[in-house]
Amino acid sequence: MNLTLLFHMLGVVVWVGGMFFAYMALRPVAASVLEPPQRLSLWAGVFGRFFPWVWASVALILGSGLHMLMKLGGAAAPHYALAMLALGVAMMLIFAHVFFAPYKKLKRAVGEQDWKAGGAALGQIRRLIGINLSLGLLTIAVVFVGRALMLG
């Protein structure tokens, strides 16, 4: 179970930590110092490097999470574990949408140098990553508070 938890936490750190860095540090600086062509090209490149790591994180989180959930009793698992599953699946669905819709539009727009369409796609990605970052932080809080209440 410890190795499973390690894989789970590594996936969470990569995904949620990456979103936090991108949203809270990289985004404001890129917006303030880069013109749209450079900013959109930067983001297309950053996402191209980050999203494969997110896919790997999703696989690690989902596989390890389901394994631990079964060890906790499946549907009879503690409420915080079931809440974590629901929030995690919501995050994964949002990420899949980002990857297959606005990110695809961003890559196409950058390739065609359509900065207006690229800006719209990036704006949609920004909003959805903001939602996912909030859900990720909420999920972490739910787990720690839920476990504390159970042990408490």
Protein backbone atom coordinates (compact mmCIF):
# COMPACT_ATOMS: atom_id res chain seq x y z
CA MET A 1 0.00 0.00 0.00
CA ASN A 2 2.91 2.40 0.69
CA LEU A 3 4.26 2.02 -2.86
CA THR A 4 0.76 2.60 -4.25
CA LEU A 5 0.39 5.74 -2.14
CA LEU A 6 3.82 6.94 -3.33
CA PHE A 7 2.77 6.58 -7.00
CA HIS A 8 -0.51 8.32 -6.23
CA MET A 9 1.20 11.25 -4.54
CA LEU A 10 3.83 11.57 -7.29
CA GLY A 11 1.04 11.87 -9.85
CA VAL A 12 -0.74 14.50 -7.75
CA VAL A 13 2.44 16.52 -7.17
CA VAL A 14 3.30 16.58 -10.88
CA TRP A 15 -0.21 17.48 -12.04
CA VAL A 16 -1.44 19.87 -9.35
CA GLY A 17 2.01 21.36 -8.79
CA GLY A 18 2.43 21.91 -12.51
CA MET A 19 -0.94 23.63 -12.73
CA PHE A 20 -0.10 25.82 -9.73
CA PHE A 21 3.23 26.87 -11.26
CA ALA A 22 1.72 27.54 -14.68
CA TYR A 23 -1.30 29.42 -13.36
CA MET A 24 0.24 31.41 -10.52
CA ALA A 25 3.79 32.08 -11.79
CA LEU A 26 4.25 31.52 -15.53
CA ARG A 27 0.91 32.92 -16.76
CA PRO A 28 1.17 36.39 -15.17
CA VAL A 29 4.77 36.87 -16.28
CA ALA A 30 4.13 35.66 -19.83
CA ALA A 31 1.10 37.96 -20.09
CA SER A 32 3.09 40.98 -18.93
CA VAL A 33 6.29 40.56 -20.97
CA LEU A 34 5.34 38.77 -24.20
CA GLU A 35 3.37 39.91 -27.21
CA PRO A 36 0.57 37.58 -28.38
CA PRO A 37 2.60 35.67 -31.02
CA GLN A 38 5.39 34.87 -28.57
CA ARG A 39 3.01 34.24 -25.66
CA LEU A 40 0.80 31.85 -27.63
CA SER A 41 3.82 30.04 -29.07
CA LEU A 42 5.26 29.73 -25.57
CA TRP A 43 2.04 28.24 -24.19
CA ALA A 44 1.66 25.81 -27.10
CA GLY A 45 5.20 24.62 -26.38
CA VAL A 46 4.74 24.48 -22.60
CA PHE A 47 1.53 22.48 -22.91
CA GLY A 48 3.19 20.21 -25.46
CA ARG A 49 5.82 19.36 -22.83
CA PHE A 50 3.50 19.32 -19.79
CA PHE A 51 0.48 17.43 -21.09
CA PRO A 52 2.28 14.08 -21.61
CA TRP A 53 3.26 14.30 -17.94
CA VAL A 54 -0.37 14.99 -17.07
CA TRP A 55 -1.50 11.90 -19.01
CA ALA A 56 1.08 9.82 -17.10
CA SER A 57 -0.11 11.41 -13.84
CA VAL A 58 -3.74 10.65 -14.68
CA ALA A 59 -2.84 7.00 -15.28
CA LEU A 60 -0.86 6.80 -12.01
CA ILE A 61 -3.53 8.59 -9.98
CA LEU A 62 -6.43 6.60 -11.40
CA GLY A 63 -4.70 3.22 -11.19
CA SER A 64 -3.28 3.72 -7.70
CA GLY A 65 -6.45 5.43 -6.47
CA LEU A 66 -8.71 2.61 -7.59
CA HIS A 67 -6.32 0.07 -6.07
CA MET A 68 -6.37 1.86 -2.70
CA LEU A 69 -10.13 2.37 -2.89
CA MET A 70 -10.65 -1.37 -3.30
CA LYS A 71 -8.37 -1.98 -0.29
CA LEU A 72 -10.58 0.43 1.70
CA GLY A 73 -13.73 -1.50 0.84
CA GLY A 74 -14.82 -0.19 -2.56
CA ALA A 75 -18.22 1.48 -2.30
CA ALA A 76 -18.03 1.03 1.48
CA ALA A 77 -14.84 3.12 1.63
CA PRO A 78 -14.79 6.28 3.77
CA HIS A 79 -16.72 9.24 2.39
CA TYR A 80 -13.56 11.31 1.92
CA ALA A 81 -12.12 8.59 -0.35
CA LEU A 82 -15.27 8.49 -2.46
CA ALA A 83 -15.28 12.30 -2.64
CA MET A 84 -11.64 12.18 -3.77
CA LEU A 85 -12.62 9.74 -6.53
CA ALA A 86 -15.48 11.95 -7.71
CA LEU A 87 -13.36 15.10 -7.71
CA GLY A 88 -10.46 13.31 -9.41
CA VAL A 89 -12.67 11.94 -12.18
CA ALA A 90 -14.13 15.41 -12.74
CA MET A 91 -10.59 16.79 -13.04
CA MET A 92 -9.62 14.07 -15.50
CA LEU A 93 -12.65 14.79 -17.67
CA ILE A 94 -11.88 18.52 -17.65
CA PHE A 95 -8.27 17.79 -18.62
CA ALA A 96 -9.37 15.47 -21.44
CA HIS A 97 -11.62 18.25 -22.74
CA VAL A 98 -8.76 20.77 -22.55
CA PHE A 99 -6.45 18.40 -24.41
CA PHE A 100 -8.85 17.41 -27.19
CA ALA A 101 -10.62 20.74 -27.75
CA PRO A 102 -9.02 24.10 -26.82
CA TYR A 103 -5.42 22.80 -26.83
CA LYS A 104 -5.97 21.36 -30.31
CA LYS A 105 -7.36 24.76 -31.38
CA LEU A 106 -4.38 26.55 -29.81
CA LYS A 107 -1.86 24.38 -31.68
CA ARG A 108 -3.71 24.89 -34.97
CA ALA A 109 -3.99 28.65 -34.41
CA VAL A 110 -0.29 29.00 -33.59
CA GLY A 111 0.61 26.96 -36.68
CA GLU A 112 -1.57 29.20 -38.83
CA GLN A 113 -0.49 32.36 -36.97
CA ASP A 114 -4.13 33.11 -36.18
CA TRP A 115 -3.44 35.01 -32.95
CA LYS A 116 -7.07 35.92 -32.31
CA ALA A 117 -8.20 32.27 -32.41
CA GLY A 118 -5.14 31.29 -30.38
CA GLY A 119 -5.96 33.88 -27.73
CA ALA A 120 -9.52 32.58 -27.48
CA ALA A 121 -8.29 29.00 -27.11
CA LEU A 122 -5.72 30.02 -24.51
CA GLY A 123 -8.38 31.92 -22.57
CA GLN A 124 -10.55 28.81 -22.46
CA ILE A 125 -7.58 26.69 -21.35
CA ARG A 126 -6.75 29.24 -18.64
CA ARG A 127 -10.29 29.13 -17.23
CA LEU A 128 -10.43 25.33 -17.25
CA ILE A 129 -6.99 24.97 -15.66
CA GLY A 130 -8.11 27.46 -13.00
CA ILE A 131 -11.11 25.24 -12.28
CA ASN A 132 -8.94 22.11 -12.25
CA LEU A 133 -6.37 23.72 -9.96
CA SER A 134 -9.17 24.68 -7.55
CA LEU A 135 -10.57 21.15 -7.68
CA GLY A 136 -7.11 19.68 -7.12
CA LEU A 137 -6.48 21.82 -4.05
CA LEU A 138 -9.99 21.05 -2.77
CA THR A 139 -9.35 17.33 -3.24
CA ILE A 140 -6.15 17.53 -1.20
CA ALA A 141 -8.02 19.39 1.56
CA VAL A 142 -10.88 16.85 1.53
CA VAL A 143 -8.45 13.99 2.01
CA PHE A 144 -6.54 15.57 4.88
CA VAL A 145 -9.64 16.86 6.67
CA GLY A 146 -11.51 13.59 6.08
CA ARG A 147 -8.66 11.48 7.43
CA ALA A 148 -8.21 13.79 10.42
CA LEU A 149 -11.89 13.54 11.29
CA MET A 150 -11.78 9.75 11.05
CA LEU A 151 -8.71 9.51 13.25
CA GLY A 152 -9.87 12.26 15.48
